[in-house]
Structure formats: C-alpha cells, structure tokens
C-alpha atoms as a PDB file:
ATOM      1  CA  MET A   1     198.626 101.104 324.036  1.00  0.00           C
ATOM      2  CA  PRO A   2     202.402 100.506 323.465  1.00  0.00           C
ATOM      3  CA  TYR A   3     203.528 100.560 319.885  1.00  0.00           C
ATOM      4  CA  LYS A   4     199.642 100.736 318.874  1.00  0.00           C
ATOM      5  CA  ALA A   5     200.974 102.313 315.659  1.00  0.00           C
ATOM      6  CA  ASN A   6     202.899  99.410 314.686  1.00  0.00           C
ATOM      7  CA  ALA A   7     200.584  96.752 315.642  1.00  0.00           C
ATOM      8  CA  ALA A   8     200.146  96.005 312.235  1.00  0.00           C
ATOM      9  CA  ARG A   9     203.826  95.366 311.110  1.00  0.00           C
ATOM     10  CA  ARG A  10     204.501  93.243 314.109  1.00  0.00           C
ATOM     11  CA  HIS A  11     205.321  89.340 314.122  1.00  0.00           C
ATOM     12  CA  HIS A  12     202.381  87.828 315.424  1.00  0.00           C
ATOM     13  CA  ILE A  13     202.938  84.758 316.563  1.00  0.00           C
ATOM     14  CA  ALA A  14     200.089  82.311 317.495  1.00  0.00           C
ATOM     15  CA  ARG A  15     199.827  80.850 321.210  1.00  0.00           C
ATOM     16  CA  PRO A  16     200.923  76.984 321.812  1.00  0.00           C
ATOM     17  CA  GLN A  17     197.928  75.132 323.025  1.00  0.00           C
ATOM     18  CA  ARG A  18     199.379  72.352 325.446  1.00  0.00           C
ATOM     19  CA  ARG A  19     197.821  69.003 326.533  1.00  0.00           C
ATOM     20  CA  VAL A  20     198.246  68.053 330.406  1.00  0.00           C
ATOM     21  CA  LEU A  21     199.270  64.092 329.953  1.00  0.00           C
ATOM     22  CA  ASN A  22     199.102  63.200 333.941  1.00  0.00           C
ATOM     23  CA  TRP A  23     196.421  65.323 334.837  1.00  0.00           C
ATOM     24  CA  ALA A  24     194.655  63.149 337.345  1.00  0.00           C
ATOM     25  CA  GLU A  25     198.034  63.376 339.339  1.00  0.00           C
ATOM     26  CA  TYR A  26     198.343  67.032 339.164  1.00  0.00           C
ATOM     27  CA  ASP A  27     194.910  67.702 340.114  1.00  0.00           C
ATOM     28  CA  ALA A  28     195.502  66.147 343.297  1.00  0.00           C
ATOM     29  CA  ALA A  29     198.851  67.823 343.727  1.00  0.00           C
ATOM     30  CA  LEU A  30     197.529  71.502 343.225  1.00  0.00           C
ATOM     31  CA  ARG A  31     194.580  70.029 346.336  1.00  0.00           C
ATOM     32  CA  GLN A  32     197.125  68.965 348.555  1.00  0.00           C
ATOM     33  CA  ARG A  33     198.826  72.216 348.146  1.00  0.00           C
ATOM     34  CA  GLY A  34     195.908  73.837 350.606  1.00  0.00           C
ATOM     35  CA  SER A  35     196.561  70.469 353.202  1.00  0.00           C
ATOM     36  CA  LEU A  36     197.694  71.894 356.594  1.00  0.00           C
ATOM     37  CA  THR A  37     199.394  68.361 357.108  1.00  0.00           C
ATOM     38  CA  LEU A  38     201.895  69.323 354.462  1.00  0.00           C
ATOM     39  CA  TRP A  39     202.747  72.323 355.989  1.00  0.00           C
ATOM     40  CA  VAL A  40     202.547  71.704 359.817  1.00  0.00           C
ATOM     41  CA  THR A  41     204.181  68.123 359.603  1.00  0.00           C
ATOM     42  CA  ASP A  42     204.987  65.531 362.318  1.00  0.00           C
ATOM     43  CA  GLU A  43     208.737  66.509 362.071  1.00  0.00           C
ATOM     44  CA  ALA A  44     207.682  69.781 362.937  1.00  0.00           C
ATOM     45  CA  ILE A  45     205.671  69.023 365.747  1.00  0.00           C
ATOM     46  CA  GLU A  46     207.983  66.769 367.202  1.00  0.00           C
ATOM     47  CA  GLN A  47     210.761  69.843 367.328  1.00  0.00           C
ATOM     48  CA  TRP A  48     208.539  72.434 368.603  1.00  0.00           C
ATOM     49  CA  LYS A  49     209.791  73.289 371.614  1.00  0.00           C
ATOM     50  CA  ALA A  50     213.201  75.084 371.526  1.00  0.00           C
ATOM     51  CA  ALA A  51     216.454  73.012 373.118  1.00  0.00           C
ATOM     52  CA  PRO A  52     216.955  73.789 376.741  1.00  0.00           C
ATOM     53  CA  ARG A  53     219.621  77.026 376.376  1.00  0.00           C
ATOM     54  CA  ARG A  54     222.905  76.895 378.212  1.00  0.00           C
ATOM     55  CA  THR A  55     224.145  79.969 378.395  1.00  0.00           C
ATOM     56  CA  PRO A  56     222.971  83.524 380.116  1.00  0.00           C
ATOM     57  CA  GLY A  57     219.709  84.857 378.433  1.00  0.00           C
ATOM     58  CA  GLY A  58     215.836  84.245 378.559  1.00  0.00           C
ATOM     59  CA  GLN A  59     214.985  80.608 377.409  1.00  0.00           C
ATOM     60  CA  ALA A  60     213.157  80.179 373.939  1.00  0.00           C
ATOM     61  CA  SER A  61     209.853  78.094 373.992  1.00  0.00           C
ATOM     62  CA  SER A  62     209.892  77.708 369.970  1.00  0.00           C
ATOM     63  CA  SER A  63     212.636  76.456 367.794  1.00  0.00           C
ATOM     64  CA  ASP A  64     213.488  77.294 365.029  1.00  0.00           C
ATOM     65  CA  LEU A  65     211.423  74.841 363.116  1.00  0.00           C
ATOM     66  CA  ALA A  66     208.557  76.327 364.442  1.00  0.00           C
ATOM     67  CA  ILE A  67     209.145  79.349 363.504  1.00  0.00           C
ATOM     68  CA  THR A  68     210.064  78.362 360.198  1.00  0.00           C
ATOM     69  CA  THR A  69     206.461  76.665 360.203  1.00  0.00           C
ATOM     70  CA  ALA A  70     204.425  79.830 361.325  1.00  0.00           C
ATOM     71  CA  LEU A  71     206.548  82.296 358.561  1.00  0.00           C
ATOM     72  CA  MET A  72     205.552  79.376 355.832  1.00  0.00           C
ATOM     73  CA  LEU A  73     201.891  79.074 357.166  1.00  0.00           C
ATOM     74  CA  ARG A  74     202.111  82.962 356.911  1.00  0.00           C
ATOM     75  CA  ALA A  75     203.642  82.997 353.183  1.00  0.00           C
ATOM     76  CA  VAL A  76     200.729  80.438 351.822  1.00  0.00           C
ATOM     77  CA  PHE A  77     198.009  81.106 353.213  1.00  0.00           C
ATOM     78  CA  GLN A  78     199.162  85.753 352.746  1.00  0.00           C
ATOM     79  CA  LEU A  79     197.956  86.307 356.795  1.00  0.00           C
ATOM     80  CA  ALA A  80     198.987  88.824 358.752  1.00  0.00           C
ATOM     81  CA  LEU A  81     201.083  88.015 362.015  1.00  0.00           C
ATOM     82  CA  ARG A  82     197.935  88.272 364.191  1.00  0.00           C
ATOM     83  CA  GLN A  83     196.839  85.696 362.343  1.00  0.00           C
ATOM     84  CA  THR A  84     199.193  83.563 361.876  1.00  0.00           C
ATOM     85  CA  GLU A  85     199.068  83.379 365.804  1.00  0.00           C
ATOM     86  CA  GLY A  86     195.745  82.173 365.695  1.00  0.00           C
ATOM     87  CA  LEU A  87     195.655  79.720 362.960  1.00  0.00           C
ATOM     88  CA  ILE A  88     198.784  77.963 364.689  1.00  0.00           C
ATOM     89  CA  GLY A  89     197.159  78.346 368.099  1.00  0.00           C
ATOM     90  CA  SER A  90     193.869  76.437 366.493  1.00  0.00           C
ATOM     91  CA  ILE A  91     196.004  73.584 364.474  1.00  0.00           C
ATOM     92  CA  LEU A  92     197.248  73.155 368.089  1.00  0.00           C
ATOM     93  CA  HIS A  93     194.252  72.805 369.592  1.00  0.00           C
ATOM     94  CA  LEU A  94     192.715  70.897 367.276  1.00  0.00           C
ATOM     95  CA  LEU A  95     195.122  68.253 367.548  1.00  0.00           C
ATOM     96  CA  GLY A  96     195.289  68.306 371.760  1.00  0.00           C
ATOM     97  CA  LEU A  97     198.638  69.165 371.910  1.00  0.00           C
ATOM     98  CA  GLU A  98     200.039  71.681 374.579  1.00  0.00           C
ATOM     99  CA  LEU A  99     202.842  73.076 372.750  1.00  0.00           C
ATOM    100  CA  PRO A 100     203.550  77.091 372.861  1.00  0.00           C
ATOM    101  CA  VAL A 101     201.632  79.450 370.060  1.00  0.00           C
ATOM    102  CA  PRO A 102     204.240  82.011 369.355  1.00  0.00           C
ATOM    103  CA  ASP A 103     202.467  85.318 369.442  1.00  0.00           C
ATOM    104  CA  HIS A 104     203.087  87.784 366.508  1.00  0.00           C
ATOM    105  CA  SER A 105     205.655  89.602 368.338  1.00  0.00           C
ATOM    106  CA  THR A 106     207.661  86.808 368.341  1.00  0.00           C
ATOM    107  CA  ILE A 107     207.329  85.643 365.138  1.00  0.00           C
ATOM    108  CA  ALA A 108     208.446  88.969 364.033  1.00  0.00           C
ATOM    109  CA  ARG A 109     211.279  89.093 365.868  1.00  0.00           C
ATOM    110  CA  ARG A 110     212.887  85.732 365.235  1.00  0.00           C
ATOM    111  CA  ALA A 111     212.127  85.857 361.385  1.00  0.00           C
ATOM    112  CA  ARG A 112     215.872  88.279 361.599  1.00  0.00           C
ATOM    113  CA  THR A 113     217.502  85.612 362.994  1.00  0.00           C
ATOM    114  CA  VAL A 114     215.713  82.116 362.431  1.00  0.00           C
ATOM    115  CA  THR A 115     218.175  79.083 360.898  1.00  0.00           C
ATOM    116  CA  LEU A 116     216.103  77.516 358.219  1.00  0.00           C
ATOM    117  CA  PRO A 117     216.954  74.005 357.880  1.00  0.00           C
ATOM    118  CA  SER A 118     219.251  73.461 354.663  1.00  0.00           C
ATOM    119  CA  ALA A 119     217.242  72.410 351.289  1.00  0.00           C
ATOM    120  CA  PRO A 120     218.315  68.778 349.786  1.00  0.00           C
ATOM    121  CA  ARG A 121     221.145  68.675 347.027  1.00  0.00           C
ATOM    122  CA  SER A 122     220.412  67.877 343.782  1.00  0.00           C
ATOM    123  CA  SER A 123     221.968  64.558 342.609  1.00  0.00           C
ATOM    124  CA  GLY A 124     221.241  64.220 339.121  1.00  0.00           C
ATOM    125  CA  GLY A 125     225.009  65.763 338.123  1.00  0.00           C
ATOM    126  CA  PRO A 126     225.165  68.853 336.582  1.00  0.00           C
ATOM    127  CA  ILE A 127     222.388  71.337 336.252  1.00  0.00           C
ATOM    128  CA  HIS A 128     221.269  73.678 333.755  1.00  0.00           C
ATOM    129  CA  LEU A 129     221.054  77.368 335.701  1.00  0.00           C
ATOM    130  CA  LEU A 130     218.271  79.570 334.497  1.00  0.00           C
ATOM    131  CA  ILE A 131     218.630  83.052 335.923  1.00  0.00           C
ATOM    132  CA  ASP A 132     216.155  86.076 336.418  1.00  0.00           C
ATOM    133  CA  SER A 133     215.110  89.189 338.163  1.00  0.00           C
ATOM    134  CA  THR A 134     211.570  90.696 338.781  1.00  0.00           C
ATOM    135  CA  GLY A 135     210.617  93.717 341.565  1.00  0.00           C
ATOM    136  CA  LEU A 136     209.183  93.064 344.561  1.00  0.00           C
ATOM    137  CA  LYS A 137     207.346  96.063 346.257  1.00  0.00           C
ATOM    138  CA  LEU A 138     207.845  97.240 349.936  1.00  0.00           C
ATOM    139  CA  CYS A 139     205.491  99.657 350.522  1.00  0.00           C
ATOM    140  CA  GLY A 140     203.081 102.291 349.831  1.00  0.00           C
ATOM    141  CA  PRO A 141     199.900 104.084 348.485  1.00  0.00           C
ATOM    142  CA  GLY A 142     197.394 100.978 347.596  1.00  0.00           C
ATOM    143  CA  GLU A 143     196.457 100.869 343.321  1.00  0.00           C
ATOM    144  CA  TRP A 144     193.298 102.174 343.830  1.00  0.00           C
ATOM    145  CA  LEU A 145     194.744 105.515 346.015  1.00  0.00           C
ATOM    146  CA  ILE A 146     197.304 105.535 343.279  1.00  0.00           C
ATOM    147  CA  GLU A 147     194.968 105.833 340.616  1.00  0.00           C
ATOM    148  CA  LYS A 148     192.375 107.951 342.626  1.00  0.00           C
ATOM    149  CA  HIS A 149     194.388 111.310 344.038  1.00  0.00           C
ATOM    150  CA  GLY A 150     197.956 110.207 342.607  1.00  0.00           C
ATOM    151  CA  THR A 151     200.919 109.754 345.076  1.00  0.00           C
ATOM    152  CA  LYS A 152     203.513 112.245 346.819  1.00  0.00           C
ATOM    153  CA  LYS A 153     205.620 109.664 347.133  1.00  0.00           C
ATOM    154  CA  ARG A 154     207.634 107.208 344.824  1.00  0.00           C
ATOM    155  CA  ARG A 155     206.710 103.334 345.653  1.00  0.00           C
ATOM    156  CA  SER A 156     209.654 101.474 346.735  1.00  0.00           C
ATOM    157  CA  TRP A 157     210.695  98.106 345.917  1.00  0.00           C
ATOM    158  CA  ARG A 158     213.592  95.799 345.702  1.00  0.00           C
ATOM    159  CA  ALA A 159     215.320  93.211 342.777  1.00  0.00           C
ATOM    160  CA  LEU A 160     214.711  89.310 343.834  1.00  0.00           C
ATOM    161  CA  HIS A 161     217.190  87.630 341.627  1.00  0.00           C
ATOM    162  CA  ILE A 162     216.333  83.632 341.577  1.00  0.00           C
ATOM    163  CA  GLY A 163     218.570  80.645 339.705  1.00  0.00           C
ATOM    164  CA  MET A 164     216.493  77.860 338.787  1.00  0.00           C
ATOM    165  CA  ASP A 165     217.436  74.384 337.970  1.00  0.00           C
ATOM    166  CA  ALA A 166     216.054  73.556 334.720  1.00  0.00           C
ATOM    167  CA  GLY A 167     215.866  69.869 334.866  1.00  0.00           C
ATOM    168  CA  SER A 168     213.958  69.644 338.141  1.00  0.00           C
ATOM    169  CA  GLY A 169     212.336  73.378 338.383  1.00  0.00           C
ATOM    170  CA  ARG A 170     213.725  73.819 341.825  1.00  0.00           C
ATOM    171  CA  ILE A 171     215.090  77.251 342.640  1.00  0.00           C
ATOM    172  CA  VAL A 172     218.322  76.704 344.109  1.00  0.00           C
ATOM    173  CA  ALA A 173     219.634  79.911 344.661  1.00  0.00           C
ATOM    174  CA  ALA A 174     218.077  83.742 345.778  1.00  0.00           C
ATOM    175  CA  THR A 175     219.480  87.038 346.363  1.00  0.00           C
ATOM    176  CA  LEU A 176     218.046  90.371 347.096  1.00  0.00           C
ATOM    177  CA  THR A 177     219.354  93.496 346.610  1.00  0.00           C
ATOM    178  CA  GLU A 178     218.133  97.160 346.097  1.00  0.00           C
ATOM    179  CA  ARG A 179     216.808  98.588 342.956  1.00  0.00           C
ATOM    180  CA  GLY A 180     218.759  99.957 340.457  1.00  0.00           C
ATOM    181  CA  VAL A 181     221.434  97.060 340.914  1.00  0.00           C
ATOM    182  CA  ASP A 182     222.645  95.463 337.993  1.00  0.00           C
ATOM    183  CA  ASP A 183     221.236  92.040 336.850  1.00  0.00           C
ATOM    184  CA  ALA A 184     224.738  90.939 336.055  1.00  0.00           C
ATOM    185  CA  SER A 185     226.213  91.696 339.304  1.00  0.00           C
ATOM    186  CA  GLN A 186     224.048  88.887 340.805  1.00  0.00           C
ATOM    187  CA  VAL A 187     225.265  85.891 338.893  1.00  0.00           C
ATOM    188  CA  GLY A 188     228.473  85.357 341.143  1.00  0.00           C
ATOM    189  CA  PRO A 189     226.643  85.508 344.327  1.00  0.00           C
ATOM    190  CA  LEU A 190     223.784  83.217 342.715  1.00  0.00           C
ATOM    191  CA  LEU A 191     226.465  80.366 341.720  1.00  0.00           C
ATOM    192  CA  ASP A 192     227.829  80.566 345.021  1.00  0.00           C
ATOM    193  CA  GLN A 193     224.511  79.153 346.415  1.00  0.00           C
ATOM    194  CA  VAL A 194     224.886  76.153 344.463  1.00  0.00           C
ATOM    195  CA  SER A 195     226.994  73.402 345.597  1.00  0.00           C
ATOM    196  CA  GLY A 196     227.366  71.198 342.645  1.00  0.00           C
ATOM    197  CA  PRO A 197     228.310  71.534 339.190  1.00  0.00           C
ATOM    198  CA  VAL A 198     226.611  73.455 336.541  1.00  0.00           C
ATOM    199  CA  ALA A 199     226.628  72.904 332.766  1.00  0.00           C
ATOM    200  CA  SER A 200     225.088  76.217 331.520  1.00  0.00           C
ATOM    201  CA  VAL A 201     224.168  79.442 332.898  1.00  0.00           C
ATOM    202  CA  THR A 202     220.999  81.020 330.445  1.00  0.00           C
ATOM    203  CA  GLY A 203     220.065  84.592 331.218  1.00  0.00           C
ATOM    204  CA  ASP A 204     218.250  87.206 329.132  1.00  0.00           C
ATOM    205  CA  GLY A 205     219.966  90.273 327.289  1.00  0.00           C
ATOM    206  CA  ALA A 206     220.694  92.136 330.836  1.00  0.00           C
ATOM    207  CA  TYR A 207     222.990  89.430 331.335  1.00  0.00           C
ATOM    208  CA  ASP A 208     225.335  89.719 327.791  1.00  0.00           C
ATOM    209  CA  ARG A 209     227.962  91.411 329.947  1.00  0.00           C
ATOM    210  CA  SER A 210     232.055  90.303 330.065  1.00  0.00           C
ATOM    211  CA  GLY A 211     231.566  90.140 333.947  1.00  0.00           C
ATOM    212  CA  VAL A 212     228.801  87.610 333.746  1.00  0.00           C
ATOM    213  CA  TYR A 213     231.663  85.130 331.687  1.00  0.00           C
ATOM    214  CA  ALA A 214     234.299  86.024 334.380  1.00  0.00           C
ATOM    215  CA  SER A 215     232.155  84.994 336.817  1.00  0.00           C
ATOM    216  CA  VAL A 216     230.946  81.858 335.531  1.00  0.00           C
ATOM    217  CA  ARG A 217     234.577  80.789 334.176  1.00  0.00           C
ATOM    218  CA  GLU A 218     236.044  81.134 337.273  1.00  0.00           C
ATOM    219  CA  ARG A 219     233.456  79.236 339.209  1.00  0.00           C
ATOM    220  CA  HIS A 220     232.678  76.494 336.470  1.00  0.00           C
ATOM    221  CA  PRO A 221     234.927  76.375 333.573  1.00  0.00           C
ATOM    222  CA  GLU A 222     233.337  74.001 331.461  1.00  0.00           C
ATOM    223  CA  ALA A 223     230.216  75.670 332.020  1.00  0.00           C
ATOM    224  CA  ALA A 224     228.436  77.874 328.854  1.00  0.00           C
ATOM    225  CA  VAL A 225     226.560  80.868 329.017  1.00  0.00           C
ATOM    226  CA  VAL A 226     223.499  81.684 326.778  1.00  0.00           C
ATOM    227  CA  ALA A 227     223.041  85.197 326.483  1.00  0.00           C
ATOM    228  CA  PRO A 228     221.596  86.929 323.575  1.00  0.00           C
ATOM    229  CA  PRO A 229     224.196  89.352 322.691  1.00  0.00           C
ATOM    230  CA  ARG A 230     222.982  92.976 321.624  1.00  0.00           C
ATOM    231  CA  ARG A 231     221.701  93.762 318.465  1.00  0.00           C
ATOM    232  CA  ASP A 232     225.152  96.180 317.522  1.00  0.00           C
ATOM    233  CA  ALA A 233     227.615  93.701 319.183  1.00  0.00           C
ATOM    234  CA  VAL A 234     230.703  92.729 317.324  1.00  0.00           C
ATOM    235  CA  LEU A 235     233.387  90.302 317.882  1.00  0.00           C
ATOM    236  CA  SER A 236     236.062  90.633 320.457  1.00  0.00           C
ATOM    237  CA  ASP A 237     239.850  91.162 318.994  1.00  0.00           C
ATOM    238  CA  THR A 238     240.758  87.312 318.941  1.00  0.00           C
ATOM    239  CA  GLY A 239     236.929  86.269 317.227  1.00  0.00           C
ATOM    240  CA  ASP A 240     238.228  85.438 314.251  1.00  0.00           C
ATOM    241  CA  SER A 241     241.259  83.048 314.971  1.00  0.00           C
ATOM    242  CA  VAL A 242     240.031  82.243 318.782  1.00  0.00           C
ATOM    243  CA  PRO A 243     236.327  83.042 319.075  1.00  0.00           C
ATOM    244  CA  THR A 244     234.969  83.211 322.586  1.00  0.00           C
ATOM    245  CA  GLN A 245     231.486  81.999 323.643  1.00  0.00           C
ATOM    246  CA  ARG A 246     229.991  85.496 323.000  1.00  0.00           C
ATOM    247  CA  ASP A 247     231.685  85.207 319.716  1.00  0.00           C
ATOM    248  CA  ARG A 248     230.211  82.125 318.550  1.00  0.00           C
ATOM    249  CA  HIS A 249     226.791  83.537 319.786  1.00  0.00           C
ATOM    250  CA  ILE A 250     227.459  86.207 317.418  1.00  0.00           C
ATOM    251  CA  GLN A 251     228.503  84.313 314.492  1.00  0.00           C
ATOM    252  CA  MET A 252     225.793  81.749 314.530  1.00  0.00           C
ATOM    253  CA  ILE A 253     222.502  84.717 314.706  1.00  0.00           C
ATOM    254  CA  ALA A 254     224.916  86.082 312.289  1.00  0.00           C
ATOM    255  CA  GLN A 255     224.494  83.261 309.855  1.00  0.00           C
ATOM    256  CA  THR A 256     221.611  81.089 311.138  1.00  0.00           C
ATOM    257  CA  GLY A 257     219.454  84.039 312.581  1.00  0.00           C
ATOM    258  CA  ARG A 258     217.783  84.903 315.749  1.00  0.00           C
ATOM    259  CA  MET A 259     215.197  82.104 315.802  1.00  0.00           C
ATOM    260  CA  ALA A 260     217.956  79.160 315.139  1.00  0.00           C
ATOM    261  CA  TRP A 261     220.078  80.513 317.457  1.00  0.00           C
ATOM    262  CA  GLN A 262     217.572  80.328 320.034  1.00  0.00           C
ATOM    263  CA  ARG A 263     216.567  76.533 319.327  1.00  0.00           C
ATOM    264  CA  SER A 264     220.188  75.409 318.949  1.00  0.00           C
ATOM    265  CA  SER A 265     221.507  77.112 321.991  1.00  0.00           C
ATOM    266  CA  GLY A 266     219.140  76.060 324.219  1.00  0.00           C
ATOM    267  CA  TYR A 267     217.991  79.595 325.047  1.00  0.00           C
ATOM    268  CA  ASN A 268     214.088  78.763 324.960  1.00  0.00           C
ATOM    269  CA  THR A 269     214.181  76.943 328.047  1.00  0.00           C
ATOM    270  CA  ARG A 270     214.234  80.412 330.066  1.00  0.00           C
ATOM    271  CA  ALA A 271     210.576  80.365 329.420  1.00  0.00           C
ATOM    272  CA  GLY A 272     210.867  78.319 332.699  1.00  0.00           C
ATOM    273  CA  VAL A 273     212.350  80.678 335.096  1.00  0.00           C
ATOM    274  CA  GLU A 274     210.121  83.495 333.579  1.00  0.00           C
ATOM    275  CA  SER A 275     207.172  81.164 334.611  1.00  0.00           C
ATOM    276  CA  GLN A 276     208.732  80.542 338.250  1.00  0.00           C
ATOM    277  CA  MET A 277     208.744  84.805 338.386  1.00  0.00           C
ATOM    278  CA  ALA A 278     204.606  84.425 337.544  1.00  0.00           C
ATOM    279  CA  ARG A 279     204.257  81.481 340.338  1.00  0.00           C
ATOM    280  CA  TRP A 280     205.884  83.674 342.596  1.00  0.00           C
ATOM    281  CA  LYS A 281     203.943  86.612 342.579  1.00  0.00           C
ATOM    282  CA  GLY A 282     200.989  84.332 342.163  1.00  0.00           C
ATOM    283  CA  VAL A 283     201.119  82.127 344.785  1.00  0.00           C
ATOM    284  CA  LEU A 284     203.395  84.494 347.698  1.00  0.00           C
ATOM    285  CA  GLY A 285     202.337  87.879 346.394  1.00  0.00           C
ATOM    286  CA  ASP A 286     204.373  90.830 344.611  1.00  0.00           C
ATOM    287  CA  ALA A 287     205.183  92.281 348.158  1.00  0.00           C
ATOM    288  CA  LEU A 288     207.767  92.074 351.229  1.00  0.00           C
ATOM    289  CA  ARG A 289     205.835  92.292 354.141  1.00  0.00           C
ATOM    290  CA  PHE A 290     208.316  92.407 356.353  1.00  0.00           C
ATOM    291  CA  HIS A 291     210.439  95.882 356.877  1.00  0.00           C
ATOM    292  CA  THR A 292     214.173  95.220 358.072  1.00  0.00           C
ATOM    293  CA  ASP A 293     216.948  93.592 355.905  1.00  0.00           C
ATOM    294  CA  ALA A 294     217.391  90.676 358.057  1.00  0.00           C
ATOM    295  CA  ALA A 295     213.513  89.913 357.910  1.00  0.00           C
ATOM    296  CA  GLN A 296     212.960  90.249 354.213  1.00  0.00           C
ATOM    297  CA  ALA A 297     215.948  88.052 353.286  1.00  0.00           C
ATOM    298  CA  THR A 298     214.260  84.950 355.609  1.00  0.00           C
ATOM    299  CA  GLU A 299     211.081  85.815 353.672  1.00  0.00           C
ATOM    300  CA  VAL A 300     212.600  85.204 350.700  1.00  0.00           C
ATOM    301  CA  ALA A 301     214.121  82.096 351.586  1.00  0.00           C
ATOM    302  CA  ILE A 302     210.779  81.131 352.857  1.00  0.00           C
ATOM    303  CA  GLY A 303     208.967  81.618 349.804  1.00  0.00           C
ATOM    304  CA  VAL A 304     211.526  79.514 348.125  1.00  0.00           C
ATOM    305  CA  ALA A 305     211.048  76.931 350.212  1.00  0.00           C
ATOM    306  CA  VAL A 306     207.480  76.983 349.755  1.00  0.00           C
ATOM    307  CA  LEU A 307     207.723  77.159 346.041  1.00  0.00           C
ATOM    308  CA  ASN A 308     210.053  73.845 346.081  1.00  0.00           C
ATOM    309  CA  ARG A 309     207.509  72.036 348.111  1.00  0.00           C
ATOM    310  CA  ILE A 310     204.442  72.794 345.659  1.00  0.00           C
ATOM    311  CA  LEU A 311     206.496  71.646 342.974  1.00  0.00           C
ATOM    312  CA  ASP A 312     207.688  68.483 344.890  1.00  0.00           C
ATOM    313  CA  LEU A 313     204.085  67.457 344.946  1.00  0.00           C
ATOM    314  CA  GLY A 314     203.394  67.167 341.252  1.00  0.00           C
ATOM    315  CA  ARG A 315     204.462  68.947 338.166  1.00  0.00           C
ATOM    316  CA  PRO A 316     202.628  68.923 334.999  1.00  0.00           C
ATOM    317  CA  ASN A 317     203.651  66.749 331.734  1.00  0.00           C
ATOM    318  CA  SER A 318     202.242  68.600 328.560  1.00  0.00           C
ATOM    319  CA  VAL A 319     202.592  68.232 325.035  1.00  0.00           C
ATOM    320  CA  ARG A 320     202.740  70.710 322.551  1.00  0.00           C
ATOM    321  CA  ILE A 321     199.078  69.976 320.420  1.00  0.00           C
ATOM    322  CA  ALA A 322     200.211  70.516 316.892  1.00  0.00           C
END
C-alpha cells in the first residue's frame, strides 16, 4: 500500500456524511434513466428518415438524429454494435413503425461524420468553469489476462479533458488528446467551446502554468484563475508592487495557510468535476470503443450528451450532517 510507512503520521480527515433532502424526486430520476422513452424520443421518430439527397451518390435511409439515437443507446446500455442494431429493430417493431433499421456497419461508418444536435446554451450568466482530465483506455489485454500472464504490449489510452459548469453541473466543453499532452495546453480549446461569459476557471495543480493565465486572460479578461501554486512557487518580479492573480494566491497561502485559501478562493468546488469524471466511468465505462479519431471524438460528444441528459432528470439536493 503506498505511503503505508507514514500512515500513522498522516493527517486523517473523517469522511463527511450528507443527507439528500429531495430523495423522492431524485429516486424517480434514477429510475427514469433506464426508460427507453427517455432516449428514443418522439422527435427522433419523427425525423428518423433522412432527407432526400440532391447531389450525386447513394441515398441515406437514416438521418443524423437516428444515428445519434443509436449511439446514445449503445453508450447508455454499453452494447456492441450488432446488439445496438437488434435493440433498435425490436423497439421499432414493438412500436409498430415501418422505419429503416441502421445496420451495425452503417452506425460505425456514420459515427465518423454524423452531425450532432447543438447543445442548449446556458442562460444563467457567467459560469464558473471547473476543468480536469482523465485517461480512457483504448484496447489491449484484459485485466485478468494481465494479472495472470502479464502482457508484452503496454495498454494504450487517450486523455479526456472536460470543462463543467459549477452551477448547473453540465459538461460544457470536452476535448480528446493523445496521452502525454499537457493538461494546461487544453484550457484554450476548452474555453473556445464555451459560448457565454466565464467568471472563473478552476483546476488542480497541473493548471498552474503561465500559459493558462494567458489563455484565460486572452478570452475572458475579467475571469479569475484558481489553481494551487506549486509548493516552491515564488512571486513574480512585480509581485510586491503589482501582484498578479498567481502572486495573490501565493501571498494568501503564505499568510493564512492552504486550507483557508481553498475555502476563500472557491477551490473546493473542484470536487464537482472529479465527481463528474467518476460518473463518466461509472455510466459509460473507462474505455473508448471506436478505433478511429473521428469516431472517438463523436463517442466523447455522445458521452457528454448522455451525462447532461441524465443530469437534467434531477440532481440530489444534499446537506452536510454536522
């Protein structure tokens, strides 16, 4: 166990207990997540067939909305492509609809070029953006095979970067990069996906970079950057006369301590994006199932849409028990 030798000297913090105040509504929302009527909507059925094509080439039978519905069903219920085809066929049959069923090869091919519906914009004013990253596995030996026989090939993975609105809990930006890409380099691409004003950008110590402050200042000059400075961080040349945001973080930590800085700066809200990462892997899994870059980008966008739709059903309103 890591750091077992120092376990007796570590500062242990008891896990806080919380009580959900709106359990009846939240419990109903949890049950509704498995309802097929949530994922196969009336709008999808009405727009299932593709519009006639007026340019040379074959005629598509399924619209982008139909392919999107298939990809969302596949993500939510973690199905293979052939099983997704069978599920859609059975749903249309039970509904008594004479609509074309996209086969598994069509779903895989269209995943690279499908146009996803635009996400609704937030209308609650400037958002507080929480950013974080995690790794998603690609392919390789299973965990049991690795433990029993080992593996000669390292498992491949890609990095998922997301930006979450702290107020609504919705994911408003997401990027997918190769492993080894610096987390701080994705702050700009994430901010470019946010259409409205940004009040603050909060991330862990990996985002304590001058490039992060520059990217935020370039796009949202009034936004605050909340990232814990490194332990050996020092003030800039103008820190005493004209302190920067980072200088003020360093000064406050030196005066009041790290825990007080976390409470006053709002850094503790970053736990929300960590919970979102755990929710992603719990609902959608910890791996990417497509093999091409374009299809994987669509897979990530579908995952964002799925988690946002689940969140729209209902959120727990919890309070801490003293």
